[in-house]
Amino acid sequence: MDDHSKHIRFFTGSLIEIQRLQLDLDQIKIPSLVKNNFESGLLSGFYGGAPSSVQLFIFEEDKDKALPILEKFKKDMGI
């Protein structure tokens, strides 16, 4: 990764789904970033987002390597 790496939204789902997918990506050394507006809103005292709308981001250059992981995840989860 360099200073110009760009994050892309890779998957949106529940926090449990995101955490499971993150573990799968971590096993093949793909870093990820979670955006959870619902939890952030609760922590700050406001409501924001929905619990089923947690977003997982990865670096754009990792997309090709991560897609087979996502496809297997979806198949295993019945999504």
PDB file of N, CA and C in Angstrom:
ATOM      1  N   MET A   1       0.838  -1.178   0.000  1.00  0.00           N
ATOM      2  CA  MET A   1       0.000   0.000   0.000  1.00  0.00           C
ATOM      3  C   MET A   1       0.885   1.244   0.000  1.00  0.00           C
ATOM      4  N   ASP A   2       0.464   2.227  -0.730  1.00  0.00           N
ATOM      5  CA  ASP A   2       1.194   3.486  -0.723  1.00  0.00           C
ATOM      6  C   ASP A   2       0.272   4.590  -0.225  1.00  0.00           C
ATOM      7  N   ASP A   3       0.778   5.800  -0.207  1.00  0.00           N
ATOM      8  CA  ASP A   3       0.002   6.929   0.302  1.00  0.00           C
ATOM      9  C   ASP A   3      -1.210   7.256  -0.564  1.00  0.00           C
ATOM     10  N   HIS A   4      -1.283   6.700  -1.767  1.00  0.00           N
ATOM     11  CA  HIS A   4      -2.380   7.008  -2.674  1.00  0.00           C
ATOM     12  C   HIS A   4      -3.383   5.853  -2.796  1.00  0.00           C
ATOM     13  N   SER A   5      -3.253   4.859  -1.909  1.00  0.00           N
ATOM     14  CA  SER A   5      -4.186   3.731  -1.933  1.00  0.00           C
ATOM     15  C   SER A   5      -5.596   4.216  -1.621  1.00  0.00           C
ATOM     16  N   LYS A   6      -6.549   3.633  -2.299  1.00  0.00           N
ATOM     17  CA  LYS A   6      -7.941   4.050  -2.150  1.00  0.00           C
ATOM     18  C   LYS A   6      -8.767   2.902  -1.566  1.00  0.00           C
ATOM     19  N   HIS A   7      -9.591   3.223  -0.580  1.00  0.00           N
ATOM     20  CA  HIS A   7     -10.513   2.237  -0.025  1.00  0.00           C
ATOM     21  C   HIS A   7     -11.759   2.156  -0.910  1.00  0.00           C
ATOM     22  N   ILE A   8     -12.276   0.944  -1.062  1.00  0.00           N
ATOM     23  CA  ILE A   8     -13.536   0.739  -1.768  1.00  0.00           C
ATOM     24  C   ILE A   8     -14.466  -0.052  -0.851  1.00  0.00           C
ATOM     25  N   ARG A   9     -15.775   0.199  -0.990  1.00  0.00           N
ATOM     26  CA  ARG A   9     -16.737  -0.579  -0.215  1.00  0.00           C
ATOM     27  C   ARG A   9     -16.793  -1.974  -0.812  1.00  0.00           C
ATOM     28  N   PHE A  10     -16.571  -2.973   0.038  1.00  0.00           N
ATOM     29  CA  PHE A  10     -16.470  -4.355  -0.419  1.00  0.00           C
ATOM     30  C   PHE A  10     -17.710  -5.171  -0.078  1.00  0.00           C
ATOM     31  N   PHE A  11     -18.328  -4.879   1.070  1.00  0.00           N
ATOM     32  CA  PHE A  11     -19.493  -5.642   1.505  1.00  0.00           C
ATOM     33  C   PHE A  11     -20.266  -4.832   2.536  1.00  0.00           C
ATOM     34  N   THR A  12     -21.589  -4.973   2.528  1.00  0.00           N
ATOM     35  CA  THR A  12     -22.453  -4.350   3.524  1.00  0.00           C
ATOM     36  C   THR A  12     -23.341  -5.434   4.102  1.00  0.00           C
ATOM     37  N   GLY A  13     -23.404  -5.477   5.431  1.00  0.00           N
ATOM     38  CA  GLY A  13     -24.223  -6.484   6.097  1.00  0.00           C
ATOM     39  C   GLY A  13     -24.287  -6.231   7.586  1.00  0.00           C
ATOM     40  N   SER A  14     -24.618  -7.262   8.334  1.00  0.00           N
ATOM     41  CA  SER A  14     -24.693  -7.132   9.787  1.00  0.00           C
ATOM     42  C   SER A  14     -23.275  -7.152  10.372  1.00  0.00           C
ATOM     43  N   LEU A  15     -23.151  -6.703  11.593  1.00  0.00           N
ATOM     44  CA  LEU A  15     -21.845  -6.687  12.254  1.00  0.00           C
ATOM     45  C   LEU A  15     -21.269  -8.094  12.344  1.00  0.00           C
ATOM     46  N   ILE A  16     -22.114  -9.079  12.615  1.00  0.00           N
ATOM     47  CA  ILE A  16     -21.635 -10.467  12.711  1.00  0.00           C
ATOM     48  C   ILE A  16     -21.088 -10.938  11.368  1.00  0.00           C
ATOM     49  N   GLU A  17     -21.794 -10.627  10.281  1.00  0.00           N
ATOM     50  CA  GLU A  17     -21.307 -11.006   8.948  1.00  0.00           C
ATOM     51  C   GLU A  17     -19.988 -10.311   8.638  1.00  0.00           C
ATOM     52  N   ILE A  18     -19.915  -9.033   8.965  1.00  0.00           N
ATOM     53  CA  ILE A  18     -18.693  -8.267   8.701  1.00  0.00           C
ATOM     54  C   ILE A  18     -17.516  -8.839   9.470  1.00  0.00           C
ATOM     55  N   GLN A  19     -17.727  -9.165  10.744  1.00  0.00           N
ATOM     56  CA  GLN A  19     -16.636  -9.705  11.553  1.00  0.00           C
ATOM     57  C   GLN A  19     -16.150 -11.042  11.018  1.00  0.00           C
ATOM     58  N   ARG A  20     -17.074 -11.875  10.566  1.00  0.00           N
ATOM     59  CA  ARG A  20     -16.691 -13.167   9.987  1.00  0.00           C
ATOM     60  C   ARG A  20     -15.888 -12.964   8.705  1.00  0.00           C
ATOM     61  N   LEU A  21     -16.354 -12.076   7.840  1.00  0.00           N
ATOM     62  CA  LEU A  21     -15.645 -11.811   6.589  1.00  0.00           C
ATOM     63  C   LEU A  21     -14.270 -11.209   6.861  1.00  0.00           C
ATOM     64  N   GLN A  22     -14.180 -10.352   7.857  1.00  0.00           N
ATOM     65  CA  GLN A  22     -12.885  -9.771   8.233  1.00  0.00           C
ATOM     66  C   GLN A  22     -11.885 -10.853   8.626  1.00  0.00           C
ATOM     67  N   LEU A  23     -12.338 -11.840   9.381  1.00  0.00           N
ATOM     68  CA  LEU A  23     -11.456 -12.948   9.776  1.00  0.00           C
ATOM     69  C   LEU A  23     -10.933 -13.689   8.551  1.00  0.00           C
ATOM     70  N   ASP A  24     -11.818 -13.939   7.592  1.00  0.00           N
ATOM     71  CA  ASP A  24     -11.402 -14.623   6.365  1.00  0.00           C
ATOM     72  C   ASP A  24     -10.381 -13.798   5.591  1.00  0.00           C
ATOM     73  N   LEU A  25     -10.597 -12.493   5.515  1.00  0.00           N
ATOM     74  CA  LEU A  25      -9.658 -11.618   4.812  1.00  0.00           C
ATOM     75  C   LEU A  25      -8.332 -11.522   5.561  1.00  0.00           C
ATOM     76  N   ASP A  26      -8.394 -11.473   6.879  1.00  0.00           N
ATOM     77  CA  ASP A  26      -7.167 -11.402   7.688  1.00  0.00           C
ATOM     78  C   ASP A  26      -6.269 -12.615   7.450  1.00  0.00           C
ATOM     79  N   GLN A  27      -6.884 -13.771   7.232  1.00  0.00           N
ATOM     80  CA  GLN A  27      -6.101 -14.999   7.015  1.00  0.00           C
ATOM     81  C   GLN A  27      -5.239 -14.923   5.769  1.00  0.00           C
ATOM     82  N   ILE A  28      -5.665 -14.130   4.787  1.00  0.00           N
ATOM     83  CA  ILE A  28      -4.840 -13.987   3.580  1.00  0.00           C
ATOM     84  C   ILE A  28      -4.195 -12.596   3.518  1.00  0.00           C
ATOM     85  N   LYS A  29      -4.097 -11.979   4.680  1.00  0.00           N
ATOM     86  CA  LYS A  29      -3.356 -10.710   4.845  1.00  0.00           C
ATOM     87  C   LYS A  29      -3.945  -9.544   4.050  1.00  0.00           C
ATOM     88  N   ILE A  30      -5.283  -9.468   3.994  1.00  0.00           N
ATOM     89  CA  ILE A  30      -5.941  -8.323   3.370  1.00  0.00           C
ATOM     90  C   ILE A  30      -6.499  -7.442   4.483  1.00  0.00           C
ATOM     91  N   PRO A  31      -5.948  -6.238   4.636  1.00  0.00           N
ATOM     92  CA  PRO A  31      -6.461  -5.340   5.676  1.00  0.00           C
ATOM     93  C   PRO A  31      -7.839  -4.804   5.286  1.00  0.00           C
ATOM     94  N   SER A  32      -8.637  -4.514   6.304  1.00  0.00           N
ATOM     95  CA  SER A  32      -9.978  -3.992   6.045  1.00  0.00           C
ATOM     96  C   SER A  32     -10.330  -2.928   7.072  1.00  0.00           C
ATOM     97  N   LEU A  33     -11.355  -2.183   6.748  1.00  0.00           N
ATOM     98  CA  LEU A  33     -11.824  -1.085   7.584  1.00  0.00           C
ATOM     99  C   LEU A  33     -13.338  -1.206   7.701  1.00  0.00           C
ATOM    100  N   VAL A  34     -13.858  -1.057   8.925  1.00  0.00           N
ATOM    101  CA  VAL A  34     -15.292  -1.181   9.162  1.00  0.00           C
ATOM    102  C   VAL A  34     -15.883   0.195   9.441  1.00  0.00           C
ATOM    103  N   LYS A  35     -17.005   0.475   8.790  1.00  0.00           N
ATOM    104  CA  LYS A  35     -17.755   1.699   9.041  1.00  0.00           C
ATOM    105  C   LYS A  35     -19.113   1.293   9.586  1.00  0.00           C
ATOM    106  N   ASN A  36     -19.354   1.659  10.853  1.00  0.00           N
ATOM    107  CA  ASN A  36     -20.580   1.264  11.529  1.00  0.00           C
ATOM    108  C   ASN A  36     -21.256   2.507  12.081  1.00  0.00           C
ATOM    109  N   ASN A  37     -22.106   3.141  11.289  1.00  0.00           N
ATOM    110  CA  ASN A  37     -22.781   4.370  11.711  1.00  0.00           C
ATOM    111  C   ASN A  37     -23.724   4.142  12.879  1.00  0.00           C
ATOM    112  N   PHE A  38     -24.320   2.958  12.958  1.00  0.00           N
ATOM    113  CA  PHE A  38     -25.257   2.666  14.043  1.00  0.00           C
ATOM    114  C   PHE A  38     -24.530   2.700  15.392  1.00  0.00           C
ATOM    115  N   GLU A  39     -23.431   1.961  15.482  1.00  0.00           N
ATOM    116  CA  GLU A  39     -22.678   1.918  16.740  1.00  0.00           C
ATOM    117  C   GLU A  39     -22.056   3.275  17.059  1.00  0.00           C
ATOM    118  N   SER A  40     -21.555   3.960  16.056  1.00  0.00           N
ATOM    119  CA  SER A  40     -20.984   5.293  16.274  1.00  0.00           C
ATOM    120  C   SER A  40     -22.033   6.253  16.812  1.00  0.00           C
ATOM    121  N   GLY A  41     -23.249   6.174  16.268  1.00  0.00           N
ATOM    122  CA  GLY A  41     -24.337   7.030  16.733  1.00  0.00           C
ATOM    123  C   GLY A  41     -24.710   6.737  18.173  1.00  0.00           C
ATOM    124  N   LEU A  42     -24.763   5.455  18.516  1.00  0.00           N
ATOM    125  CA  LEU A  42     -25.093   5.085  19.890  1.00  0.00           C
ATOM    126  C   LEU A  42     -24.029   5.574  20.864  1.00  0.00           C
ATOM    127  N   LEU A  43     -22.775   5.430  20.491  1.00  0.00           N
ATOM    128  CA  LEU A  43     -21.690   5.860  21.366  1.00  0.00           C
ATOM    129  C   LEU A  43     -21.681   7.366  21.599  1.00  0.00           C
ATOM    130  N   SER A  44     -22.132   8.112  20.597  1.00  0.00           N
ATOM    131  CA  SER A  44     -22.136   9.566  20.740  1.00  0.00           C
ATOM    132  C   SER A  44     -23.459  10.098  21.290  1.00  0.00           C
ATOM    133  N   GLY A  45     -24.399   9.187  21.555  1.00  0.00           N
ATOM    134  CA  GLY A  45     -25.671   9.608  22.127  1.00  0.00           C
ATOM    135  C   GLY A  45     -26.738   9.927  21.112  1.00  0.00           C
ATOM    136  N   PHE A  46     -26.508   9.580  19.874  1.00  0.00           N
ATOM    137  CA  PHE A  46     -27.473   9.828  18.811  1.00  0.00           C
ATOM    138  C   PHE A  46     -27.734   8.533  18.068  1.00  0.00           C
ATOM    139  N   TYR A  47     -28.872   8.482  17.414  1.00  0.00           N
ATOM    140  CA  TYR A  47     -29.173   7.344  16.566  1.00  0.00           C
ATOM    141  C   TYR A  47     -28.654   7.646  15.169  1.00  0.00           C
ATOM    142  N   GLY A  48     -27.983   6.695  14.556  1.00  0.00           N
ATOM    143  CA  GLY A  48     -27.512   6.900  13.191  1.00  0.00           C
ATOM    144  C   GLY A  48     -27.291   5.583  12.493  1.00  0.00           C
ATOM    145  N   GLY A  49     -27.906   5.379  11.382  1.00  0.00           N
ATOM    146  CA  GLY A  49     -27.717   4.161  10.612  1.00  0.00           C
ATOM    147  C   GLY A  49     -28.598   3.032  11.099  1.00  0.00           C
ATOM    148  N   ALA A  50     -28.367   1.871  10.548  1.00  0.00           N
ATOM    149  CA  ALA A  50     -29.123   0.676  10.916  1.00  0.00           C
ATOM    150  C   ALA A  50     -28.144  -0.429  11.274  1.00  0.00           C
ATOM    151  N   PRO A  51     -28.515  -1.294  12.220  1.00  0.00           N
ATOM    152  CA  PRO A  51     -27.579  -2.342  12.633  1.00  0.00           C
ATOM    153  C   PRO A  51     -27.226  -3.317  11.516  1.00  0.00           C
ATOM    154  N   SER A  52     -28.037  -3.398  10.487  1.00  0.00           N
ATOM    155  CA  SER A  52     -27.744  -4.316   9.382  1.00  0.00           C
ATOM    156  C   SER A  52     -27.008  -3.632   8.232  1.00  0.00           C
ATOM    157  N   SER A  53     -26.566  -2.406   8.436  1.00  0.00           N
ATOM    158  CA  SER A  53     -25.897  -1.652   7.378  1.00  0.00           C
ATOM    159  C   SER A  53     -24.452  -1.322   7.721  1.00  0.00           C
ATOM    160  N   VAL A  54     -23.749  -2.289   8.252  1.00  0.00           N
ATOM    161  CA  VAL A  54     -22.335  -2.104   8.554  1.00  0.00           C
ATOM    162  C   VAL A  54     -21.570  -2.319   7.248  1.00  0.00           C
ATOM    163  N   GLN A  55     -20.597  -1.455   6.992  1.00  0.00           N
ATOM    164  CA  GLN A  55     -19.869  -1.526   5.730  1.00  0.00           C
ATOM    165  C   GLN A  55     -18.429  -1.957   5.966  1.00  0.00           C
ATOM    166  N   LEU A  56     -17.937  -2.800   5.071  1.00  0.00           N
ATOM    167  CA  LEU A  56     -16.559  -3.263   5.107  1.00  0.00           C
ATOM    168  C   LEU A  56     -15.834  -2.705   3.890  1.00  0.00           C
ATOM    169  N   PHE A  57     -14.707  -2.071   4.120  1.00  0.00           N
ATOM    170  CA  PHE A  57     -13.902  -1.488   3.050  1.00  0.00           C
ATOM    171  C   PHE A  57     -12.565  -2.204   2.969  1.00  0.00           C
ATOM    172  N   ILE A  58     -12.046  -2.325   1.760  1.00  0.00           N
ATOM    173  CA  ILE A  58     -10.697  -2.847   1.542  1.00  0.00           C
ATOM    174  C   ILE A  58      -9.984  -1.904   0.581  1.00  0.00           C
ATOM    175  N   PHE A  59      -8.682  -2.094   0.442  1.00  0.00           N
ATOM    176  CA  PHE A  59      -7.950  -1.309  -0.547  1.00  0.00           C
ATOM    177  C   PHE A  59      -8.311  -1.799  -1.946  1.00  0.00           C
ATOM    178  N   GLU A  60      -8.446  -0.862  -2.852  1.00  0.00           N
ATOM    179  CA  GLU A  60      -8.830  -1.179  -4.233  1.00  0.00           C
ATOM    180  C   GLU A  60      -7.904  -2.222  -4.865  1.00  0.00           C
ATOM    181  N   GLU A  61      -6.612  -2.138  -4.581  1.00  0.00           N
ATOM    182  CA  GLU A  61      -5.670  -3.072  -5.199  1.00  0.00           C
ATOM    183  C   GLU A  61      -5.790  -4.500  -4.642  1.00  0.00           C
ATOM    184  N   ASP A  62      -6.524  -4.693  -3.548  1.00  0.00           N
ATOM    185  CA  ASP A  62      -6.740  -6.027  -2.983  1.00  0.00           C
ATOM    186  C   ASP A  62      -8.024  -6.687  -3.497  1.00  0.00           C
ATOM    187  N   LYS A  63      -8.788  -5.981  -4.304  1.00  0.00           N
ATOM    188  CA  LYS A  63     -10.105  -6.464  -4.723  1.00  0.00           C
ATOM    189  C   LYS A  63     -10.041  -7.822  -5.431  1.00  0.00           C
ATOM    190  N   ASP A  64      -9.163  -7.978  -6.406  1.00  0.00           N
ATOM    191  CA  ASP A  64      -9.097  -9.229  -7.161  1.00  0.00           C
ATOM    192  C   ASP A  64      -8.745 -10.410  -6.256  1.00  0.00           C
ATOM    193  N   LYS A  65      -7.874 -10.178  -5.309  1.00  0.00           N
ATOM    194  CA  LYS A  65      -7.479 -11.231  -4.369  1.00  0.00           C
ATOM    195  C   LYS A  65      -8.612 -11.546  -3.382  1.00  0.00           C
ATOM    196  N   ALA A  66      -9.431 -10.551  -3.048  1.00  0.00           N
ATOM    197  CA  ALA A  66     -10.480 -10.705  -2.042  1.00  0.00           C
ATOM    198  C   ALA A  66     -11.793 -11.263  -2.606  1.00  0.00           C
ATOM    199  N   LEU A  67     -12.045 -11.094  -3.891  1.00  0.00           N
ATOM    200  CA  LEU A  67     -13.319 -11.533  -4.470  1.00  0.00           C
ATOM    201  C   LEU A  67     -13.615 -13.025  -4.274  1.00  0.00           C
ATOM    202  N   PRO A  68     -12.640 -13.934  -4.446  1.00  0.00           N
ATOM    203  CA  PRO A  68     -12.944 -15.346  -4.193  1.00  0.00           C
ATOM    204  C   PRO A  68     -13.340 -15.606  -2.729  1.00  0.00           C
ATOM    205  N   ILE A  69     -12.762 -14.858  -1.806  1.00  0.00           N
ATOM    206  CA  ILE A  69     -13.115 -14.984  -0.390  1.00  0.00           C
ATOM    207  C   ILE A  69     -14.558 -14.547  -0.180  1.00  0.00           C
ATOM    208  N   LEU A  70     -14.953 -13.452  -0.821  1.00  0.00           N
ATOM    209  CA  LEU A  70     -16.317 -12.954  -0.703  1.00  0.00           C
ATOM    210  C   LEU A  70     -17.315 -13.955  -1.293  1.00  0.00           C
ATOM    211  N   GLU A  71     -17.001 -14.511  -2.436  1.00  0.00           N
ATOM    212  CA  GLU A  71     -17.901 -15.479  -3.073  1.00  0.00           C
ATOM    213  C   GLU A  71     -18.082 -16.718  -2.195  1.00  0.00           C
ATOM    214  N   LYS A  72     -17.004 -17.216  -1.616  1.00  0.00           N
ATOM    215  CA  LYS A  72     -17.098 -18.375  -0.716  1.00  0.00           C
ATOM    216  C   LYS A  72     -17.902 -18.013   0.525  1.00  0.00           C
ATOM    217  N   PHE A  73     -17.657 -16.834   1.066  1.00  0.00           N
ATOM    218  CA  PHE A  73     -18.397 -16.358   2.243  1.00  0.00           C
ATOM    219  C   PHE A  73     -19.894 -16.313   1.949  1.00  0.00           C
ATOM    220  N   LYS A  74     -20.270 -15.730   0.829  1.00  0.00           N
ATOM    221  CA  LYS A  74     -21.681 -15.631   0.462  1.00  0.00           C
ATOM    222  C   LYS A  74     -22.313 -17.015   0.304  1.00  0.00           C
ATOM    223  N   LYS A  75     -21.587 -17.922  -0.323  1.00  0.00           N
ATOM    224  CA  LYS A  75     -22.091 -19.278  -0.515  1.00  0.00           C
ATOM    225  C   LYS A  75     -22.287 -19.968   0.842  1.00  0.00           C
ATOM    226  N   ASP A  76     -21.284 -19.855   1.716  1.00  0.00           N
ATOM    227  CA  ASP A  76     -21.363 -20.491   3.040  1.00  0.00           C
ATOM    228  C   ASP A  76     -22.496 -19.907   3.886  1.00  0.00           C
ATOM    229  N   MET A  77     -22.759 -18.602   3.729  1.00  0.00           N
ATOM    230  CA  MET A  77     -23.779 -17.927   4.529  1.00  0.00           C
ATOM    231  C   MET A  77     -25.160 -17.987   3.871  1.00  0.00           C
ATOM    232  N   GLY A  78     -25.228 -18.470   2.646  1.00  0.00           N
ATOM    233  CA  GLY A  78     -26.502 -18.544   1.938  1.00  0.00           C
ATOM    234  C   GLY A  78     -27.021 -17.172   1.515  1.00  0.00           C
ATOM    235  N   ILE A  79     -26.106 -16.305   1.186  1.00  0.00           N
ATOM    236  CA  ILE A  79     -26.460 -14.923   0.793  1.00  0.00           C
ATOM    237  C   ILE A  79     -26.534 -14.850  -0.723  1.00  0.00           C
TER     238      ILE A  79
END
